[in-house]
PDB file of all heavy atoms in Angstrom:
ATOM      1  N   GLU A   1      -7.118 -13.727 -18.878  1.00  0.00           N
ATOM      2  CA  GLU A   1      -6.353 -14.750 -18.183  1.00  0.00           C
ATOM      3  C   GLU A   1      -7.253 -15.418 -17.118  1.00  0.00           C
ATOM      4  O   GLU A   1      -8.250 -14.826 -16.707  1.00  0.00           O
ATOM      5  CB  GLU A   1      -5.103 -14.166 -17.532  1.00  0.00           C
ATOM      6  CG  GLU A   1      -4.100 -13.608 -18.518  1.00  0.00           C
ATOM      7  CD  GLU A   1      -2.785 -13.175 -17.864  1.00  0.00           C
ATOM      8  OE1 GLU A   1      -2.703 -13.215 -16.612  1.00  0.00           O
ATOM      9  OE2 GLU A   1      -1.859 -12.808 -18.600  1.00  0.00           O
ATOM     10  N   ASN A   2      -6.854 -16.612 -16.738  1.00  0.00           N
ATOM     11  CA  ASN A   2      -7.570 -17.353 -15.699  1.00  0.00           C
ATOM     12  C   ASN A   2      -7.010 -17.000 -14.332  1.00  0.00           C
ATOM     13  O   ASN A   2      -5.775 -17.094 -14.141  1.00  0.00           O
ATOM     14  CB  ASN A   2      -7.441 -18.855 -15.968  1.00  0.00           C
ATOM     15  CG  ASN A   2      -8.271 -19.717 -15.028  1.00  0.00           C
ATOM     16  OD1 ASN A   2      -8.989 -19.204 -14.159  1.00  0.00           O
ATOM     17  ND2 ASN A   2      -8.127 -21.009 -15.138  1.00  0.00           N
ATOM     18  N   VAL A   3      -7.834 -16.596 -13.396  1.00  0.00           N
ATOM     19  CA  VAL A   3      -7.365 -16.228 -12.068  1.00  0.00           C
ATOM     20  C   VAL A   3      -6.641 -17.436 -11.408  1.00  0.00           C
ATOM     21  O   VAL A   3      -5.811 -17.251 -10.510  1.00  0.00           O
ATOM     22  CB  VAL A   3      -8.499 -15.707 -11.190  1.00  0.00           C
ATOM     23  CG1 VAL A   3      -9.409 -16.824 -10.741  1.00  0.00           C
ATOM     24  CG2 VAL A   3      -7.968 -14.946  -9.983  1.00  0.00           C
ATOM     25  N   HIS A   4      -6.933 -18.631 -11.858  1.00  0.00           N
ATOM     26  CA  HIS A   4      -6.309 -19.830 -11.317  1.00  0.00           C
ATOM     27  C   HIS A   4      -5.031 -20.236 -12.081  1.00  0.00           C
ATOM     28  O   HIS A   4      -4.497 -21.304 -11.785  1.00  0.00           O
ATOM     29  CB  HIS A   4      -7.302 -20.994 -11.328  1.00  0.00           C
ATOM     30  CG  HIS A   4      -8.538 -20.737 -10.506  1.00  0.00           C
ATOM     31  ND1 HIS A   4      -8.556 -20.836  -9.137  1.00  0.00           N
ATOM     32  CD2 HIS A   4      -9.785 -20.344 -10.893  1.00  0.00           C
ATOM     33  CE1 HIS A   4      -9.771 -20.531  -8.714  1.00  0.00           C
ATOM     34  NE2 HIS A   4     -10.532 -20.260  -9.743  1.00  0.00           N
ATOM     35  N   ASP A   5      -4.593 -19.404 -13.025  1.00  0.00           N
ATOM     36  CA  ASP A   5      -3.364 -19.730 -13.767  1.00  0.00           C
ATOM     37  C   ASP A   5      -2.234 -19.994 -12.771  1.00  0.00           C
ATOM     38  O   ASP A   5      -2.004 -19.226 -11.850  1.00  0.00           O
ATOM     39  CB  ASP A   5      -3.002 -18.541 -14.677  1.00  0.00           C
ATOM     40  CG  ASP A   5      -1.881 -18.871 -15.664  1.00  0.00           C
ATOM     41  OD1 ASP A   5      -0.797 -19.221 -15.180  1.00  0.00           O
ATOM     42  OD2 ASP A   5      -2.133 -18.822 -16.869  1.00  0.00           O
ATOM     43  N   ARG A   6      -1.548 -21.099 -12.971  1.00  0.00           N
ATOM     44  CA  ARG A   6      -0.504 -21.510 -12.011  1.00  0.00           C
ATOM     45  C   ARG A   6       0.634 -20.502 -11.924  1.00  0.00           C
ATOM     46  O   ARG A   6       1.338 -20.472 -10.918  1.00  0.00           O
ATOM     47  CB  ARG A   6       0.043 -22.886 -12.414  1.00  0.00           C
ATOM     48  CG  ARG A   6       0.569 -22.960 -13.851  1.00  0.00           C
ATOM     49  CD  ARG A   6       0.832 -24.380 -14.296  1.00  0.00           C
ATOM     50  NE  ARG A   6       1.228 -24.464 -15.711  1.00  0.00           N
ATOM     51  CZ  ARG A   6       0.360 -24.585 -16.691  1.00  0.00           C
ATOM     52  NH1 ARG A   6      -0.931 -24.643 -16.432  1.00  0.00           N
ATOM     53  NH2 ARG A   6       0.783 -24.660 -17.941  1.00  0.00           N
ATOM     54  N   ALA A   7       0.814 -19.679 -12.941  1.00  0.00           N
ATOM     55  CA  ALA A   7       1.908 -18.719 -12.917  1.00  0.00           C
ATOM     56  C   ALA A   7       1.467 -17.310 -12.472  1.00  0.00           C
ATOM     57  O   ALA A   7       2.310 -16.435 -12.335  1.00  0.00           O
ATOM     58  CB  ALA A   7       2.571 -18.616 -14.310  1.00  0.00           C
ATOM     59  N   LEU A   8       0.169 -17.148 -12.257  1.00  0.00           N
ATOM     60  CA  LEU A   8      -0.334 -15.822 -11.867  1.00  0.00           C
ATOM     61  C   LEU A   8      -0.267 -15.651 -10.355  1.00  0.00           C
ATOM     62  O   LEU A   8      -0.816 -16.445  -9.614  1.00  0.00           O
ATOM     63  CB  LEU A   8      -1.763 -15.657 -12.347  1.00  0.00           C
ATOM     64  CG  LEU A   8      -2.480 -14.378 -11.924  1.00  0.00           C
ATOM     65  CD1 LEU A   8      -1.756 -13.149 -12.434  1.00  0.00           C
ATOM     66  CD2 LEU A   8      -3.932 -14.380 -12.421  1.00  0.00           C
ATOM     67  N   GLU A   9       0.417 -14.634  -9.931  1.00  0.00           N
ATOM     68  CA  GLU A   9       0.555 -14.345  -8.502  1.00  0.00           C
ATOM     69  C   GLU A   9       0.060 -12.936  -8.227  1.00  0.00           C
ATOM     70  O   GLU A   9       0.360 -12.010  -8.960  1.00  0.00           O
ATOM     71  CB  GLU A   9       2.011 -14.480  -8.067  1.00  0.00           C
ATOM     72  CG  GLU A   9       2.556 -15.894  -8.217  1.00  0.00           C
ATOM     73  CD  GLU A   9       4.014 -15.995  -7.824  1.00  0.00           C
ATOM     74  OE1 GLU A   9       4.584 -14.978  -7.381  1.00  0.00           O
ATOM     75  OE2 GLU A   9       4.587 -17.093  -7.939  1.00  0.00           O
ATOM     76  N   PHE A  10      -0.703 -12.779  -7.148  1.00  0.00           N
ATOM     77  CA  PHE A  10      -1.138 -11.480  -6.716  1.00  0.00           C
ATOM     78  C   PHE A  10      -0.075 -10.889  -5.804  1.00  0.00           C
ATOM     79  O   PHE A  10       0.307 -11.516  -4.803  1.00  0.00           O
ATOM     80  CB  PHE A  10      -2.464 -11.577  -5.973  1.00  0.00           C
ATOM     81  CG  PHE A  10      -3.685 -11.601  -6.847  1.00  0.00           C
ATOM     82  CD1 PHE A  10      -3.568 -11.849  -8.211  1.00  0.00           C
ATOM     83  CD2 PHE A  10      -4.939 -11.421  -6.323  1.00  0.00           C
ATOM     84  CE1 PHE A  10      -4.682 -11.907  -9.038  1.00  0.00           C
ATOM     85  CE2 PHE A  10      -6.070 -11.472  -7.128  1.00  0.00           C
ATOM     86  CZ  PHE A  10      -5.939 -11.699  -8.482  1.00  0.00           C
ATOM     87  N   GLU A  11       0.385  -9.717  -6.145  1.00  0.00           N
ATOM     88  CA  GLU A  11       1.367  -9.021  -5.343  1.00  0.00           C
ATOM     89  C   GLU A  11       0.719  -7.769  -4.742  1.00  0.00           C
ATOM     90  O   GLU A  11      -0.188  -7.190  -5.301  1.00  0.00           O
ATOM     91  CB  GLU A  11       2.580  -8.598  -6.195  1.00  0.00           C
ATOM     92  CG  GLU A  11       3.296  -9.753  -6.883  1.00  0.00           C
ATOM     93  CD  GLU A  11       4.074 -10.608  -5.903  1.00  0.00           C
ATOM     94  OE1 GLU A  11       4.255 -10.174  -4.744  1.00  0.00           O
ATOM     95  OE2 GLU A  11       4.466 -11.714  -6.269  1.00  0.00           O
ATOM     96  N   PRO A  12       1.209  -7.350  -3.558  1.00  0.00           N
ATOM     97  CA  PRO A  12       0.670  -6.129  -2.959  1.00  0.00           C
ATOM     98  C   PRO A  12       1.123  -4.895  -3.693  1.00  0.00           C
ATOM     99  O   PRO A  12       2.173  -4.881  -4.366  1.00  0.00           O
ATOM    100  CB  PRO A  12       1.244  -6.157  -1.535  1.00  0.00           C
ATOM    101  CG  PRO A  12       2.506  -6.937  -1.663  1.00  0.00           C
ATOM    102  CD  PRO A  12       2.259  -7.971  -2.734  1.00  0.00           C
ATOM    103  N   ILE A  13       0.336  -3.830  -3.595  1.00  0.00           N
ATOM    104  CA  ILE A  13       0.741  -2.520  -4.103  1.00  0.00           C
ATOM    105  C   ILE A  13       0.916  -1.609  -2.895  1.00  0.00           C
ATOM    106  O   ILE A  13      -0.013  -1.381  -2.116  1.00  0.00           O
ATOM    107  CB  ILE A  13      -0.331  -1.927  -5.041  1.00  0.00           C
ATOM    108  CG1 ILE A  13      -0.586  -2.894  -6.210  1.00  0.00           C
ATOM    109  CG2 ILE A  13       0.095  -0.568  -5.565  1.00  0.00           C
ATOM    110  CD1 ILE A  13      -1.671  -2.396  -7.164  1.00  0.00           C
ATOM    111  N   HIS A  14       2.136  -1.142  -2.724  1.00  0.00           N
ATOM    112  CA  HIS A  14       2.463  -0.303  -1.548  1.00  0.00           C
ATOM    113  C   HIS A  14       2.217   1.156  -1.832  1.00  0.00           C
ATOM    114  O   HIS A  14       2.084   1.586  -2.986  1.00  0.00           O
ATOM    115  CB  HIS A  14       3.929  -0.522  -1.180  1.00  0.00           C
ATOM    116  CG  HIS A  14       4.297  -2.008  -1.051  1.00  0.00           C
ATOM    117  ND1 HIS A  14       3.689  -2.852  -0.164  1.00  0.00           N
ATOM    118  CD2 HIS A  14       5.174  -2.743  -1.775  1.00  0.00           C
ATOM    119  CE1 HIS A  14       4.204  -4.052  -0.303  1.00  0.00           C
ATOM    120  NE2 HIS A  14       5.085  -4.039  -1.294  1.00  0.00           N
ATOM    121  N   ARG A  15       2.143   1.937  -0.797  1.00  0.00           N
ATOM    122  CA  ARG A  15       1.908   3.369  -0.891  1.00  0.00           C
ATOM    123  C   ARG A  15       3.140   4.140  -0.459  1.00  0.00           C
ATOM    124  O   ARG A  15       3.795   3.746   0.534  1.00  0.00           O
ATOM    125  CB  ARG A  15       0.743   3.805  -0.001  1.00  0.00           C
ATOM    126  CG  ARG A  15      -0.648   3.548  -0.589  1.00  0.00           C
ATOM    127  CD  ARG A  15      -1.085   2.146  -0.504  1.00  0.00           C
ATOM    128  NE  ARG A  15      -2.486   2.021  -0.901  1.00  0.00           N
ATOM    129  CZ  ARG A  15      -2.986   1.042  -1.650  1.00  0.00           C
ATOM    130  NH1 ARG A  15      -2.189   0.067  -2.084  1.00  0.00           N
ATOM    131  NH2 ARG A  15      -4.277   0.982  -1.953  1.00  0.00           N
ATOM    132  N   VAL A  16       3.451   5.220  -1.150  1.00  0.00           N
ATOM    133  CA  VAL A  16       4.535   6.133  -0.717  1.00  0.00           C
ATOM    134  C   VAL A  16       3.970   7.546  -0.728  1.00  0.00           C
ATOM    135  O   VAL A  16       3.349   7.988  -1.694  1.00  0.00           O
ATOM    136  CB  VAL A  16       5.744   6.042  -1.639  1.00  0.00           C
ATOM    137  CG1 VAL A  16       6.824   7.042  -1.195  1.00  0.00           C
ATOM    138  CG2 VAL A  16       6.321   4.625  -1.663  1.00  0.00           C
ATOM    139  N   LEU A  17       4.186   8.255   0.386  1.00  0.00           N
ATOM    140  CA  LEU A  17       3.838   9.685   0.469  1.00  0.00           C
ATOM    141  C   LEU A  17       5.106  10.512   0.305  1.00  0.00           C
ATOM    142  O   LEU A  17       6.155  10.174   0.864  1.00  0.00           O
ATOM    143  CB  LEU A  17       3.187   9.991   1.819  1.00  0.00           C
ATOM    144  CG  LEU A  17       1.826   9.338   2.094  1.00  0.00           C
ATOM    145  CD1 LEU A  17       1.319   9.765   3.462  1.00  0.00           C
ATOM    146  CD2 LEU A  17       0.838   9.658   1.003  1.00  0.00           C
ATOM    147  N   PHE A  18       4.978  11.589  -0.470  1.00  0.00           N
ATOM    148  CA  PHE A  18       6.112  12.467  -0.736  1.00  0.00           C
ATOM    149  C   PHE A  18       5.825  13.856  -0.146  1.00  0.00           C
ATOM    150  O   PHE A  18       4.681  14.326  -0.152  1.00  0.00           O
ATOM    151  CB  PHE A  18       6.332  12.604  -2.254  1.00  0.00           C
ATOM    152  CG  PHE A  18       6.579  11.296  -2.958  1.00  0.00           C
ATOM    153  CD1 PHE A  18       5.519  10.500  -3.380  1.00  0.00           C
ATOM    154  CD2 PHE A  18       7.888  10.875  -3.184  1.00  0.00           C
ATOM    155  CE1 PHE A  18       5.742   9.302  -4.041  1.00  0.00           C
ATOM    156  CE2 PHE A  18       8.099   9.660  -3.846  1.00  0.00           C
ATOM    157  CZ  PHE A  18       7.052   8.868  -4.262  1.00  0.00           C
ATOM    158  N   ASN A  19       6.860  14.502   0.325  1.00  0.00           N
ATOM    159  CA  ASN A  19       6.769  15.899   0.777  1.00  0.00           C
ATOM    160  C   ASN A  19       5.698  16.092   1.853  1.00  0.00           C
ATOM    161  O   ASN A  19       4.869  17.026   1.782  1.00  0.00           O
ATOM    162  CB  ASN A  19       6.505  16.844  -0.414  1.00  0.00           C
ATOM    163  CG  ASN A  19       7.526  16.680  -1.498  1.00  0.00           C
ATOM    164  OD1 ASN A  19       8.739  16.631  -1.242  1.00  0.00           O
ATOM    165  ND2 ASN A  19       7.057  16.541  -2.748  1.00  0.00           N
ATOM    166  N   MET A  20       5.720  15.210   2.851  1.00  0.00           N
ATOM    167  CA  MET A  20       4.738  15.332   3.922  1.00  0.00           C
ATOM    168  C   MET A  20       4.992  16.579   4.758  1.00  0.00           C
ATOM    169  O   MET A  20       6.145  16.993   4.947  1.00  0.00           O
ATOM    170  CB  MET A  20       4.834  14.105   4.843  1.00  0.00           C
ATOM    171  CG  MET A  20       4.443  12.784   4.204  1.00  0.00           C
ATOM    172  SD  MET A  20       4.570  11.429   5.410  1.00  0.00           S
ATOM    173  CE  MET A  20       6.304  11.541   5.847  1.00  0.00           C
ATOM    174  N   LYS A  21       3.936  17.133   5.278  1.00  0.00           N
ATOM    175  CA  LYS A  21       4.019  18.313   6.129  1.00  0.00           C
ATOM    176  C   LYS A  21       3.722  17.988   7.602  1.00  0.00           C
ATOM    177  O   LYS A  21       3.700  18.899   8.440  1.00  0.00           O
ATOM    178  CB  LYS A  21       3.055  19.384   5.632  1.00  0.00           C
ATOM    179  CG  LYS A  21       3.306  19.837   4.187  1.00  0.00           C
ATOM    180  CD  LYS A  21       2.263  20.820   3.715  1.00  0.00           C
ATOM    181  CE  LYS A  21       2.560  21.284   2.291  1.00  0.00           C
ATOM    182  NZ  LYS A  21       2.447  20.146   1.311  1.00  0.00           N
ATOM    183  N   ALA A  22       3.505  16.721   7.905  1.00  0.00           N
ATOM    184  CA  ALA A  22       3.202  16.300   9.275  1.00  0.00           C
ATOM    185  C   ALA A  22       3.705  14.876   9.474  1.00  0.00           C
ATOM    186  O   ALA A  22       4.021  14.172   8.529  1.00  0.00           O
ATOM    187  CB  ALA A  22       1.693  16.405   9.560  1.00  0.00           C
ATOM    188  N   ASP A  23       3.735  14.445  10.737  1.00  0.00           N
ATOM    189  CA  ASP A  23       4.238  13.119  11.085  1.00  0.00           C
ATOM    190  C   ASP A  23       3.130  12.071  10.858  1.00  0.00           C
ATOM    191  O   ASP A  23       2.053  12.199  11.389  1.00  0.00           O
ATOM    192  CB  ASP A  23       4.633  13.147  12.574  1.00  0.00           C
ATOM    193  CG  ASP A  23       5.076  11.779  13.066  1.00  0.00           C
ATOM    194  OD1 ASP A  23       5.445  10.928  12.223  1.00  0.00           O
ATOM    195  OD2 ASP A  23       5.042  11.553  14.291  1.00  0.00           O
ATOM    196  N   PRO A  24       3.404  11.015  10.031  1.00  0.00           N
ATOM    197  CA  PRO A  24       2.361  10.024   9.761  1.00  0.00           C
ATOM    198  C   PRO A  24       1.938   9.261  11.011  1.00  0.00           C
ATOM    199  O   PRO A  24       0.773   8.873  11.135  1.00  0.00           O
ATOM    200  CB  PRO A  24       3.027   9.107   8.730  1.00  0.00           C
ATOM    201  CG  PRO A  24       4.489   9.305   8.885  1.00  0.00           C
ATOM    202  CD  PRO A  24       4.658  10.720   9.310  1.00  0.00           C
ATOM    203  N   ILE A  25       2.883   8.991  11.936  1.00  0.00           N
ATOM    204  CA  ILE A  25       2.517   8.267  13.173  1.00  0.00           C
ATOM    205  C   ILE A  25       1.495   9.083  13.976  1.00  0.00           C
ATOM    206  O   ILE A  25       0.480   8.548  14.459  1.00  0.00           O
ATOM    207  CB  ILE A  25       3.774   7.984  14.027  1.00  0.00           C
ATOM    208  CG1 ILE A  25       4.811   7.196  13.217  1.00  0.00           C
ATOM    209  CG2 ILE A  25       3.392   7.282  15.306  1.00  0.00           C
ATOM    210  CD1 ILE A  25       4.393   5.777  12.913  1.00  0.00           C
ATOM    211  N   GLN A  26       1.763  10.349  14.124  1.00  0.00           N
ATOM    212  CA  GLN A  26       0.861  11.215  14.875  1.00  0.00           C
ATOM    213  C   GLN A  26      -0.504  11.313  14.177  1.00  0.00           C
ATOM    214  O   GLN A  26      -1.561  11.297  14.820  1.00  0.00           O
ATOM    215  CB  GLN A  26       1.469  12.607  15.028  1.00  0.00           C
ATOM    216  CG  GLN A  26       0.621  13.582  15.859  1.00  0.00           C
ATOM    217  CD  GLN A  26       0.358  13.080  17.263  1.00  0.00           C
ATOM    218  OE1 GLN A  26       1.231  12.445  17.875  1.00  0.00           O
ATOM    219  NE2 GLN A  26      -0.829  13.340  17.788  1.00  0.00           N
ATOM    220  N   ALA A  27      -0.486  11.397  12.844  1.00  0.00           N
ATOM    221  CA  ALA A  27      -1.737  11.483  12.107  1.00  0.00           C
ATOM    222  C   ALA A  27      -2.557  10.204  12.263  1.00  0.00           C
ATOM    223  O   ALA A  27      -3.795  10.265  12.416  1.00  0.00           O
ATOM    224  CB  ALA A  27      -1.440  11.771  10.620  1.00  0.00           C
ATOM    225  N   LEU A  28      -1.900   9.058  12.248  1.00  0.00           N
ATOM    226  CA  LEU A  28      -2.592   7.811  12.436  1.00  0.00           C
ATOM    227  C   LEU A  28      -3.186   7.704  13.834  1.00  0.00           C
ATOM    228  O   LEU A  28      -4.307   7.231  14.026  1.00  0.00           O
ATOM    229  CB  LEU A  28      -1.649   6.638  12.164  1.00  0.00           C
ATOM    230  CG  LEU A  28      -1.365   6.308  10.712  1.00  0.00           C
ATOM    231  CD1 LEU A  28      -0.063   5.500  10.562  1.00  0.00           C
ATOM    232  CD2 LEU A  28      -2.527   5.551  10.078  1.00  0.00           C
ATOM    233  N   ARG A  29      -2.409   8.117  14.850  1.00  0.00           N
ATOM    234  CA  ARG A  29      -2.919   8.094  16.226  1.00  0.00           C
ATOM    235  C   ARG A  29      -4.160   8.972  16.371  1.00  0.00           C
ATOM    236  O   ARG A  29      -5.143   8.594  17.028  1.00  0.00           O
ATOM    237  CB  ARG A  29      -1.850   8.605  17.202  1.00  0.00           C
ATOM    238  CG  ARG A  29      -0.720   7.613  17.470  1.00  0.00           C
ATOM    239  CD  ARG A  29       0.099   8.084  18.639  1.00  0.00           C
ATOM    240  NE  ARG A  29       1.320   7.299  18.798  1.00  0.00           N
ATOM    241  CZ  ARG A  29       1.373   6.112  19.382  1.00  0.00           C
ATOM    242  NH1 ARG A  29       0.241   5.560  19.856  1.00  0.00           N
ATOM    243  NH2 ARG A  29       2.522   5.470  19.504  1.00  0.00           N
ATOM    244  N   GLN A  30      -4.115  10.113  15.743  1.00  0.00           N
ATOM    245  CA  GLN A  30      -5.235  11.014  15.861  1.00  0.00           C
ATOM    246  C   GLN A  30      -6.468  10.452  15.153  1.00  0.00           C
ATOM    247  O   GLN A  30      -7.609  10.608  15.619  1.00  0.00           O
ATOM    248  CB  GLN A  30      -4.863  12.356  15.222  1.00  0.00           C
ATOM    249  CG  GLN A  30      -5.952  13.427  15.351  1.00  0.00           C
ATOM    250  CD  GLN A  30      -5.465  14.791  14.852  1.00  0.00           C
ATOM    251  OE1 GLN A  30      -4.262  15.000  14.643  1.00  0.00           O
ATOM    252  NE2 GLN A  30      -6.403  15.694  14.678  1.00  0.00           N
ATOM    253  N   TYR A  31      -6.263   9.732  14.041  1.00  0.00           N
ATOM    254  CA  TYR A  31      -7.381   9.214  13.248  1.00  0.00           C
ATOM    255  C   TYR A  31      -7.996   7.973  13.915  1.00  0.00           C
ATOM    256  O   TYR A  31      -9.227   7.862  13.999  1.00  0.00           O
ATOM    257  CB  TYR A  31      -6.881   8.880  11.853  1.00  0.00           C
ATOM    258  CG  TYR A  31      -7.945   8.470  10.879  1.00  0.00           C
ATOM    259  CD1 TYR A  31      -8.670   9.455  10.184  1.00  0.00           C
ATOM    260  CD2 TYR A  31      -8.225   7.143  10.622  1.00  0.00           C
ATOM    261  CE1 TYR A  31      -9.673   9.089   9.291  1.00  0.00           C
ATOM    262  CE2 TYR A  31      -9.219   6.773   9.706  1.00  0.00           C
ATOM    263  CZ  TYR A  31      -9.922   7.744   9.041  1.00  0.00           C
ATOM    264  OH  TYR A  31     -10.895   7.399   8.156  1.00  0.00           O
TER     265      TYR A  31
END
């Protein structure tokens, strides 16, 4: 396909974490 195709749209791919053992906010702050 042509990347410039008028009907082709790039959509984001989101992330989901399952069965976390720690708080993601705290982990991000620490990192």
